[in-house]
Amino acid sequence: MADVSIIGAGPVGSLLALTLARRGLTIEMYERRPDLRKAGSAGGRSINLAVSTRGLFALHQVGLDEEVLQNAIPMPGRMTHARDGSRNFLRYGRDESESINSMSRAGLNALLMTKAQETGRVRIHFERRLVDYDLDSRLGRFDDGVRIEMPVVIGADGSASALRSAMVEQRGAQMTQEWLSSGYKELTMPAAPGGGFAMEKSALHIWPRGNFMLIALPNLDGSFTCTLFLPFEGAPSFAGLRSEADAQAFFENDFPDALPLIPNLAQQLLSAPLGRMVTVKVWPWSVGEALLIGDAAHAIVPFFGQGMNAGFEDVTLLPAGRDWADVFADFSEARKPDTDAIADLAVENFLEMRDRVADPEFLFQRKVEEELQRRMPGRYLTRYQLVTFTRVPYRLALRAGQIEAALLKESIRGEEVDYARAQELAEERLVPLLRAHGVVQP
């Protein structure tokens, strides 16, 4: 019998298997989908991921960060597109060294599965969907009716986790699900004639339009994966896009510069599956020697690019040891406040990306923060930088963001900025917090 059973062989489950195998453990993994290395990328999931510092650190721990980055496109900032076709580039960090990295979800998943299997300690059972898990007998029941004993089990089976359902139904675990009133559809913008990129490749492109938006991430083959985020109901909404003429008119009005770059736009939009987005919070994450990890424990909306990064960070923070009940309980207790924080931050960032990145007041505040960073090098780090380019606890980034918002409010009067006051407040309120967590040196 294997030391650990893992439900789900997505990126987080596969990294977990590889990590535990490198600790000398044997692993049985159960994945409901076919082997994507043979069948191609499964539908219904984004084919792009934005990997940043937390995810790269986890990959470094298993010696794969450099290999992964060779197949990624760095994006040092956002390129916003106005209705009139004008563009504005907003840098994420202080320079191009602070970039997020666009990469293929399927490619990363395949690499992690292969590396896990190459340890000789991991077996993956494909097309085996867990239906239920008995927390008393520790028997897992699969969709083919087979029951398998799994004394130590970790659920990396995503936002619809079967293991989590067992904890809720059998032990009364408390779970909340908050669905966004917007959904999404994915479209493909092909490479330009000759194989180049149709737009600037080193940016995450955003078309912010109030209560809806389009984004695009670059792929290595010159294409972009575009995602339209739009309310389910109302005007405009997915409910209102009933015909090819509706889709064509919608893009002509709201995304005119993107329209000529997406052939068969109307057909793509009408045929693409409509995805939903949910924030899941649950407690406890563990019952005895059963644990939830990644989206199974803390599914978040995708607007901070931290879903997989947070799941990978879970893996790096899971302590070594064989006293599983204590290991799982201690890990959950320490980690839960941070995943709650990033869940809230992700929803806030959705509103920022959708509503504020084209707002003059927001852009002015960004300029002020850039100047504060210039005046206080290494001492003023924005909330986004702390989340994306450091490994400090998410709850610290949340608190730092609250401090920064308050000091900006106190220092800005119209178009006048009292930089001396802003620096004084930052030194008084922000720097001690960052210093206490090793972000700012004494």
Protein backbone atom coordinates (compact mmCIF):
# COMPACT_ATOMS: atom_id res chain seq x y z
CA MET A 1 0.00 0.00 0.00
CA ALA A 2 1.26 3.47 -0.91
CA ASP A 3 2.26 5.90 1.81
CA VAL A 4 -0.08 8.59 0.45
CA SER A 5 -3.01 8.68 -1.98
CA ILE A 6 -3.58 11.90 -3.92
CA ILE A 7 -6.90 12.71 -5.58
CA GLY A 8 -6.31 14.84 -8.67
CA ALA A 9 -3.30 14.97 -10.99
CA GLY A 10 -3.55 18.60 -12.03
CA PRO A 11 -0.58 20.92 -11.56
CA VAL A 12 -0.90 21.10 -7.76
CA GLY A 13 -1.52 17.37 -7.29
CA SER A 14 1.36 16.49 -9.60
CA LEU A 15 3.77 18.88 -7.86
CA LEU A 16 2.67 17.44 -4.52
CA ALA A 17 3.33 13.90 -5.74
CA LEU A 18 6.78 14.87 -7.01
CA THR A 19 7.61 16.65 -3.75
CA LEU A 20 6.50 13.76 -1.54
CA ALA A 21 8.31 11.25 -3.75
CA ARG A 22 11.51 13.24 -3.32
CA ARG A 23 10.97 12.88 0.43
CA GLY A 24 11.05 9.10 -0.04
CA LEU A 25 7.31 8.38 0.01
CA THR A 26 5.31 6.20 -2.38
CA ILE A 27 2.25 7.76 -4.01
CA GLU A 28 -0.92 6.54 -5.75
CA MET A 29 -2.68 9.28 -7.73
CA TYR A 30 -6.22 9.16 -9.09
CA GLU A 31 -7.21 11.51 -11.91
CA ARG A 32 -10.71 11.68 -13.40
CA ARG A 33 -9.55 12.86 -16.82
CA PRO A 34 -7.58 10.92 -19.46
CA ASP A 35 -3.82 11.38 -19.63
CA LEU A 36 -3.48 14.81 -21.23
CA ARG A 37 -0.09 13.80 -22.61
CA LYS A 38 -1.94 11.39 -24.88
CA ALA A 39 -5.37 12.92 -25.25
CA GLY A 40 -4.47 16.61 -25.40
CA SER A 41 -5.47 19.30 -22.97
CA ALA A 42 -8.82 18.65 -21.33
CA GLY A 43 -11.57 21.15 -22.04
CA GLY A 44 -13.08 23.55 -19.59
CA ARG A 45 -9.86 24.88 -18.08
CA SER A 46 -7.73 27.86 -19.03
CA ILE A 47 -4.87 26.91 -21.32
CA ASN A 48 -2.73 29.73 -19.87
CA LEU A 49 -1.28 30.23 -16.44
CA ALA A 50 0.47 33.28 -15.00
CA VAL A 51 3.31 31.93 -12.87
CA SER A 52 5.04 34.31 -10.46
CA THR A 53 7.47 34.20 -7.54
CA ARG A 54 5.55 31.83 -5.27
CA GLY A 55 5.03 29.29 -8.02
CA LEU A 56 8.59 29.62 -9.28
CA PHE A 57 9.95 29.01 -5.78
CA ALA A 58 7.95 25.79 -5.56
CA LEU A 59 9.30 24.69 -8.94
CA HIS A 60 12.82 25.62 -7.83
CA GLN A 61 12.42 23.29 -4.86
CA VAL A 62 12.06 20.37 -7.29
CA GLY A 63 14.67 21.68 -9.74
CA LEU A 64 12.28 22.66 -12.52
CA ASP A 65 12.11 26.47 -12.44
CA GLU A 66 14.69 27.09 -15.17
CA GLU A 67 13.18 24.47 -17.48
CA VAL A 68 9.72 25.93 -17.00
CA LEU A 69 10.87 29.50 -17.66
CA GLN A 70 12.40 28.42 -20.97
CA ASN A 71 8.83 27.77 -22.13
CA ALA A 72 7.29 30.93 -20.70
CA ILE A 73 6.78 34.49 -21.89
CA PRO A 74 7.58 37.19 -19.29
CA MET A 75 4.99 39.94 -18.91
CA PRO A 76 6.37 42.93 -16.96
CA GLY A 77 3.09 44.85 -17.10
CA ARG A 78 -0.47 45.36 -18.31
CA MET A 79 -1.33 46.93 -21.64
CA THR A 80 -4.73 48.60 -21.42
CA HIS A 81 -6.75 49.19 -24.59
CA ALA A 82 -9.28 52.04 -24.75
CA ARG A 83 -12.31 52.02 -27.04
CA ASP A 84 -10.62 54.56 -29.30
CA GLY A 85 -7.69 52.18 -29.83
CA SER A 86 -5.22 54.05 -27.63
CA ARG A 87 -3.03 51.96 -25.36
CA ASN A 88 -1.34 52.51 -22.01
CA PHE A 89 1.33 50.30 -20.44
CA LEU A 90 1.30 49.89 -16.64
CA ARG A 91 4.38 48.22 -15.19
CA TYR A 92 3.74 45.63 -12.46
CA GLY A 93 6.94 46.23 -10.50
CA ARG A 94 9.99 48.44 -10.39
CA ASP A 95 11.52 47.09 -13.63
CA GLU A 96 11.42 44.14 -16.02
CA SER A 97 12.96 41.83 -13.41
CA GLU A 98 9.51 41.85 -11.79
CA SER A 99 7.44 40.03 -14.39
CA ILE A 100 4.73 37.42 -14.34
CA ASN A 101 5.15 34.55 -16.77
CA SER A 102 2.59 33.28 -19.26
CA MET A 103 2.80 29.56 -19.89
CA SER A 104 0.77 26.59 -21.00
CA ARG A 105 -1.22 24.90 -18.24
CA ALA A 106 -1.18 21.61 -20.12
CA GLY A 107 2.55 21.81 -20.77
CA LEU A 108 3.36 22.50 -17.13
CA ASN A 109 0.97 19.78 -15.94
CA ALA A 110 2.50 17.24 -18.33
CA LEU A 111 6.03 18.07 -17.19
CA LEU A 112 5.12 17.67 -13.52
CA MET A 113 3.33 14.35 -14.11
CA THR A 114 6.28 13.00 -16.06
CA LYS A 115 8.82 14.10 -13.47
CA ALA A 116 6.70 12.57 -10.70
CA GLN A 117 6.50 9.24 -12.51
CA GLU A 118 10.22 9.29 -13.27
CA THR A 119 10.94 9.07 -9.54
CA GLY A 120 9.68 5.49 -9.64
CA ARG A 121 7.59 6.23 -6.56
CA VAL A 122 4.44 7.62 -8.19
CA ARG A 123 1.68 5.75 -10.03
CA ILE A 124 -1.09 7.70 -11.76
CA HIS A 125 -4.47 6.08 -12.43
CA PHE A 126 -6.29 8.02 -15.14
CA GLU A 127 -10.05 8.10 -15.75
CA ARG A 128 -10.67 7.21 -12.11
CA ARG A 129 -13.08 9.68 -10.52
CA LEU A 130 -13.52 9.64 -6.76
CA VAL A 131 -17.23 9.58 -5.93
CA ASP A 132 -17.05 9.34 -2.16
CA TYR A 133 -14.62 8.76 0.70
CA ASP A 134 -15.60 7.17 4.01
CA LEU A 135 -13.66 9.00 6.70
CA ASP A 136 -14.20 6.16 9.17
CA SER A 137 -13.27 3.12 7.06
CA ARG A 138 -10.89 5.23 4.89
CA LEU A 139 -12.26 3.60 1.78
CA GLY A 140 -12.58 5.64 -1.39
CA ARG A 141 -15.35 4.73 -3.84
CA PHE A 142 -14.70 5.45 -7.51
CA ASP A 143 -17.06 5.90 -10.44
CA ASP A 144 -16.51 2.33 -11.62
CA GLY A 145 -17.76 1.03 -8.27
CA VAL A 146 -14.34 -0.07 -7.04
CA ARG A 147 -13.46 0.71 -3.43
CA ILE A 148 -9.83 1.38 -2.54
CA GLU A 149 -8.32 1.68 0.91
CA MET A 150 -6.59 5.05 1.32
CA PRO A 151 -5.47 5.52 4.93
CA VAL A 152 -3.63 8.77 4.15
CA VAL A 153 -5.33 10.83 1.46
CA ILE A 154 -4.84 14.36 0.12
CA GLY A 155 -7.53 15.95 -2.02
CA ALA A 156 -6.07 18.07 -4.80
CA ASP A 157 -9.27 17.58 -6.78
CA GLY A 158 -10.21 21.17 -7.39
CA SER A 159 -13.10 23.47 -6.58
CA ALA A 160 -15.65 20.63 -6.87
CA SER A 161 -13.64 18.34 -4.57
CA ALA A 162 -15.24 14.99 -3.70
CA LEU A 163 -13.04 14.67 -0.62
CA ARG A 164 -14.24 18.06 0.60
CA SER A 165 -17.84 16.97 0.09
CA ALA A 166 -17.16 13.95 2.29
CA MET A 167 -15.80 16.20 5.04
CA VAL A 168 -18.86 18.46 4.81
CA GLU A 169 -21.35 15.59 4.80
CA GLN A 170 -19.68 13.30 7.34
CA ARG A 171 -17.99 15.72 9.73
CA GLY A 172 -19.92 18.94 9.31
CA ALA A 173 -17.07 20.94 7.82
CA GLN A 174 -18.22 24.51 7.19
CA MET A 175 -18.08 25.61 3.55
CA THR A 176 -19.07 28.77 1.71
CA GLN A 177 -19.24 29.26 -2.05
CA GLU A 178 -19.52 32.73 -3.54
CA TRP A 179 -20.15 32.80 -7.27
CA LEU A 180 -19.38 35.87 -9.36
CA SER A 181 -22.29 37.24 -11.35
CA SER A 182 -19.96 37.29 -14.37
CA GLY A 183 -18.80 34.31 -16.40
CA TYR A 184 -16.14 33.86 -19.04
CA LYS A 185 -15.50 32.47 -22.51
CA GLU A 186 -12.11 31.82 -24.10
CA LEU A 187 -11.17 32.83 -27.64
CA THR A 188 -8.03 32.38 -29.71
CA MET A 189 -6.20 35.23 -31.43
CA PRO A 190 -3.87 33.49 -33.90
CA ALA A 191 -0.33 34.49 -34.72
CA ALA A 192 0.10 37.24 -37.28
CA PRO A 193 0.97 36.30 -40.85
CA GLY A 194 4.56 35.13 -40.84
CA GLY A 195 4.27 33.71 -37.34
CA GLY A 196 4.80 36.86 -35.27
CA PHE A 197 2.63 38.28 -32.51
CA ALA A 198 -0.35 40.39 -33.52
CA MET A 199 0.16 42.59 -30.44
CA GLU A 200 2.96 43.39 -27.98
CA LYS A 201 3.93 39.98 -26.60
CA SER A 202 5.50 41.14 -23.32
CA ALA A 203 2.29 42.27 -21.66
CA LEU A 204 -1.00 41.06 -20.29
CA HIS A 205 -3.51 42.89 -22.47
CA ILE A 206 -6.71 44.27 -20.91
CA TRP A 207 -9.70 45.97 -22.48
CA PRO A 208 -11.47 47.38 -19.35
CA ARG A 209 -15.07 48.36 -19.97
CA GLY A 210 -16.71 49.06 -16.63
CA ASN A 211 -18.60 45.93 -15.63
CA PHE A 212 -16.95 43.70 -18.25
CA MET A 213 -13.55 43.23 -19.87
CA LEU A 214 -11.45 41.26 -22.32
CA ILE A 215 -7.94 40.04 -21.49
CA ALA A 216 -5.27 38.33 -23.60
CA LEU A 217 -2.16 36.35 -22.64
CA PRO A 218 0.62 35.48 -25.12
CA ASN A 219 1.55 31.95 -26.17
CA LEU A 220 4.89 30.71 -27.49
CA ASP A 221 3.47 30.02 -30.96
CA GLY A 222 2.62 33.71 -31.47
CA SER A 223 -1.05 33.36 -30.59
CA PHE A 224 -2.91 34.92 -27.68
CA THR A 225 -5.47 33.25 -25.46
CA CYS A 226 -8.25 35.80 -24.97
CA THR A 227 -10.84 35.62 -22.21
CA LEU A 228 -14.05 37.62 -22.24
CA PHE A 229 -15.46 38.32 -18.76
CA LEU A 230 -19.08 39.42 -18.95
CA PRO A 231 -22.19 39.33 -16.70
CA PHE A 232 -24.51 36.39 -17.21
CA GLU A 233 -27.58 38.65 -17.37
CA GLY A 234 -28.36 42.27 -18.13
CA ALA A 235 -26.96 44.55 -20.81
CA PRO A 236 -24.43 43.75 -21.99
CA SER A 237 -24.31 40.09 -21.00
CA PHE A 238 -23.78 36.61 -22.32
CA ALA A 239 -27.56 36.21 -22.33
CA GLY A 240 -27.72 39.02 -24.88
CA LEU A 241 -25.24 37.42 -27.30
CA ARG A 242 -27.67 35.09 -29.04
CA SER A 243 -26.52 35.35 -32.64
CA GLU A 244 -23.40 35.92 -34.70
CA ALA A 245 -24.71 39.38 -35.50
CA ASP A 246 -25.00 40.13 -31.76
CA ALA A 247 -21.42 39.00 -31.16
CA GLN A 248 -20.06 40.94 -34.13
CA ALA A 249 -21.83 44.14 -33.11
CA PHE A 250 -20.72 43.77 -29.50
CA PHE A 251 -17.04 43.55 -30.45
CA GLU A 252 -17.32 46.30 -33.07
CA ASN A 253 -18.62 48.64 -30.37
CA ASP A 254 -16.51 47.63 -27.37
CA PHE A 255 -13.32 45.98 -28.66
CA PRO A 256 -12.83 47.41 -32.16
CA ASP A 257 -9.04 46.99 -32.20
CA ALA A 258 -9.29 43.32 -31.16
CA LEU A 259 -11.99 42.39 -33.67
CA PRO A 260 -9.83 42.18 -36.83
CA LEU A 261 -7.25 40.08 -34.95
CA ILE A 262 -9.71 37.30 -34.03
CA PRO A 263 -10.96 35.50 -37.15
CA ASN A 264 -14.33 33.80 -36.88
CA LEU A 265 -14.91 35.81 -33.73
CA ALA A 266 -18.66 35.33 -33.71
CA GLN A 267 -18.46 31.57 -34.26
CA GLN A 268 -15.79 31.22 -31.59
CA LEU A 269 -17.79 33.22 -29.07
CA LEU A 270 -21.06 31.38 -29.57
CA SER A 271 -19.51 27.91 -29.52
CA ALA A 272 -17.13 28.40 -26.57
CA PRO A 273 -18.27 26.88 -23.26
CA LEU A 274 -19.40 29.38 -20.65
CA GLY A 275 -17.34 29.16 -17.47
CA ARG A 276 -18.31 30.19 -13.95
CA MET A 277 -16.04 31.55 -11.20
CA VAL A 278 -16.31 30.77 -7.52
CA THR A 279 -14.57 31.53 -4.25
CA VAL A 280 -14.62 28.51 -1.93
CA LYS A 281 -13.75 28.70 1.75
CA VAL A 282 -13.94 25.65 4.01
CA TRP A 283 -12.91 24.74 7.53
CA PRO A 284 -11.39 22.48 8.68
CA TRP A 285 -9.14 21.43 5.82
CA SER A 286 -8.23 18.17 7.49
CA VAL A 287 -9.96 15.31 9.26
CA GLY A 288 -7.48 12.91 10.80
CA GLU A 289 -5.21 11.74 8.00
CA ALA A 290 -7.26 13.32 5.19
CA LEU A 291 -6.29 16.78 3.90
CA LEU A 292 -7.54 19.28 1.33
CA ILE A 293 -5.00 21.33 -0.65
CA GLY A 294 -5.04 23.86 -3.48
CA ASP A 295 -8.45 24.70 -4.97
CA ALA A 296 -10.08 21.90 -2.99
CA ALA A 297 -9.34 23.92 0.16
CA HIS A 298 -9.42 27.48 -1.18
CA ALA A 299 -10.65 28.02 -4.74
CA ILE A 300 -10.32 31.67 -5.74
CA VAL A 301 -11.28 33.75 -8.75
CA PRO A 302 -8.43 34.18 -11.27
CA PHE A 303 -7.87 37.92 -11.12
CA PHE A 304 -4.66 38.09 -9.12
CA GLY A 305 -3.04 35.27 -11.08
CA GLN A 306 -2.52 33.46 -7.78
CA GLY A 307 -4.73 30.35 -7.94
CA MET A 308 -2.03 27.92 -9.00
CA ASN A 309 0.71 29.95 -7.32
CA ALA A 310 -1.15 29.65 -4.00
CA GLY A 311 -1.63 25.92 -4.55
CA PHE A 312 2.06 25.46 -5.32
CA GLU A 313 2.91 27.44 -2.20
CA ASP A 314 0.71 25.05 -0.20
CA VAL A 315 3.02 22.25 -1.32
CA THR A 316 6.17 24.08 -0.23
CA LEU A 317 4.65 24.82 3.18
CA LEU A 318 3.41 21.29 3.90
CA PRO A 319 5.77 20.06 6.63
CA ALA A 320 7.71 16.84 6.35
CA GLY A 321 6.86 14.06 8.78
CA ARG A 322 4.79 10.92 9.12
CA ASP A 323 2.51 11.91 11.99
CA TRP A 324 -0.03 12.85 9.38
CA ALA A 325 -2.91 13.99 11.56
CA ASP A 326 -0.70 16.51 13.36
CA VAL A 327 1.12 17.56 10.17
CA PHE A 328 -2.16 18.20 8.37
CA ALA A 329 -3.78 20.03 11.29
CA ASP A 330 -0.75 22.27 11.90
CA PHE A 331 -0.41 23.08 8.20
CA SER A 332 -4.09 23.97 7.89
CA GLU A 333 -4.09 26.18 10.97
CA ALA A 334 -1.06 28.14 9.77
CA ARG A 335 -2.13 28.46 6.14
CA LYS A 336 -5.85 29.24 6.32
CA PRO A 337 -5.59 32.99 7.16
CA ASP A 338 -3.39 33.56 4.12
CA THR A 339 -5.64 31.79 1.65
CA ASP A 340 -8.61 33.72 3.01
CA ALA A 341 -6.61 36.90 2.38
CA ILE A 342 -5.73 36.07 -1.23
CA ALA A 343 -9.33 35.06 -1.90
CA ASP A 344 -10.48 38.52 -0.86
CA LEU A 345 -7.63 40.20 -2.74
CA ALA A 346 -8.53 38.32 -5.93
CA VAL A 347 -12.08 39.65 -5.89
CA GLU A 348 -10.76 43.18 -5.23
CA ASN A 349 -8.35 42.85 -8.15
CA PHE A 350 -11.23 41.78 -10.41
CA LEU A 351 -12.88 45.11 -9.69
CA GLU A 352 -9.59 46.96 -10.22
CA MET A 353 -8.89 45.28 -13.57
CA ARG A 354 -12.45 45.69 -14.78
CA ASP A 355 -13.28 49.15 -13.46
CA ARG A 356 -10.19 51.08 -12.42
CA VAL A 357 -7.19 50.47 -14.69
CA ALA A 358 -8.55 53.06 -17.13
CA ASP A 359 -9.65 55.48 -14.39
CA PRO A 360 -7.58 58.71 -14.24
CA GLU A 361 -7.61 58.78 -10.42
CA PHE A 362 -6.29 55.21 -10.26
CA LEU A 363 -3.60 55.96 -12.83
CA PHE A 364 -2.56 59.06 -10.88
CA GLN A 365 -2.25 57.01 -7.68
CA ARG A 366 -0.08 54.52 -9.55
CA LYS A 367 2.22 57.36 -10.63
CA VAL A 368 2.43 58.54 -7.02
CA GLU A 369 3.36 55.03 -5.88
CA GLU A 370 6.02 54.81 -8.58
CA GLU A 371 7.53 58.05 -7.27
CA LEU A 372 7.41 56.75 -3.68
CA GLN A 373 9.24 53.63 -4.81
CA ARG A 374 11.88 55.84 -6.45
CA ARG A 375 12.26 57.92 -3.28
CA MET A 376 12.18 54.89 -0.96
CA PRO A 377 13.99 52.12 -2.85
CA GLY A 378 13.45 48.73 -1.24
CA ARG A 379 11.25 50.26 1.46
CA TYR A 380 7.98 50.99 -0.34
CA LEU A 381 6.53 47.88 -1.98
CA THR A 382 3.01 47.95 -3.38
CA ARG A 383 0.38 45.39 -2.49
CA TYR A 384 0.70 43.89 -5.96
CA GLN A 385 4.47 43.54 -5.59
CA LEU A 386 4.12 41.85 -2.21
CA VAL A 387 1.60 39.34 -3.55
CA THR A 388 3.29 38.64 -6.86
CA PHE A 389 7.03 39.16 -6.42
CA THR A 390 7.66 38.10 -2.82
CA ARG A 391 6.77 35.12 -0.66
CA VAL A 392 5.54 37.06 2.35
CA PRO A 393 2.25 35.82 3.83
CA TYR A 394 -0.76 36.94 1.84
CA ARG A 395 -2.30 38.42 4.99
CA LEU A 396 0.72 40.76 5.24
CA ALA A 397 0.16 41.93 1.66
CA LEU A 398 -3.49 42.57 2.48
CA ARG A 399 -2.56 44.64 5.55
CA ALA A 400 0.16 46.53 3.67
CA GLY A 401 -2.33 47.40 0.96
CA GLN A 402 -4.72 48.84 3.53
CA ILE A 403 -1.91 50.98 4.98
CA GLU A 404 -0.88 52.20 1.52
CA ALA A 405 -4.44 53.12 0.55
CA ALA A 406 -4.78 55.16 3.74
CA LEU A 407 -1.48 57.01 3.36
CA LEU A 408 -2.24 57.85 -0.27
CA LYS A 409 -5.61 59.23 0.78
CA GLU A 410 -3.93 61.41 3.41
CA SER A 411 -1.19 62.62 1.06
CA ILE A 412 -3.10 63.42 -2.14
CA ARG A 413 -5.28 66.50 -2.51
CA GLY A 414 -6.66 66.71 -6.01
CA GLU A 415 -3.59 66.78 -8.22
CA GLU A 416 -1.30 67.91 -5.40
CA VAL A 417 0.85 65.35 -3.59
CA ASP A 418 2.58 65.91 -0.25
CA TYR A 419 5.44 63.47 -0.79
CA ALA A 420 7.12 64.40 2.48
CA ARG A 421 3.95 63.44 4.37
CA ALA A 422 3.57 60.26 2.32
CA GLN A 423 7.14 59.19 3.10
CA GLU A 424 6.69 60.03 6.77
CA LEU A 425 3.54 57.90 6.96
CA ALA A 426 5.18 55.06 5.05
CA GLU A 427 8.18 55.05 7.40
CA GLU A 428 5.85 55.15 10.39
CA ARG A 429 3.24 52.57 9.34
CA LEU A 430 4.42 50.49 6.40
CA VAL A 431 8.16 49.98 6.81
CA PRO A 432 7.96 48.50 10.35
CA LEU A 433 5.44 45.93 9.11
CA LEU A 434 7.65 44.95 6.18
CA ARG A 435 10.77 44.93 8.35
CA ALA A 436 9.13 42.57 10.85
CA HIS A 437 8.64 40.05 8.05
CA GLY A 438 12.11 40.41 6.56
CA VAL A 439 11.01 42.32 3.48
CA VAL A 440 12.89 45.47 4.49
CA GLN A 441 16.32 45.08 6.00
CA PRO A 442 17.02 46.74 9.40
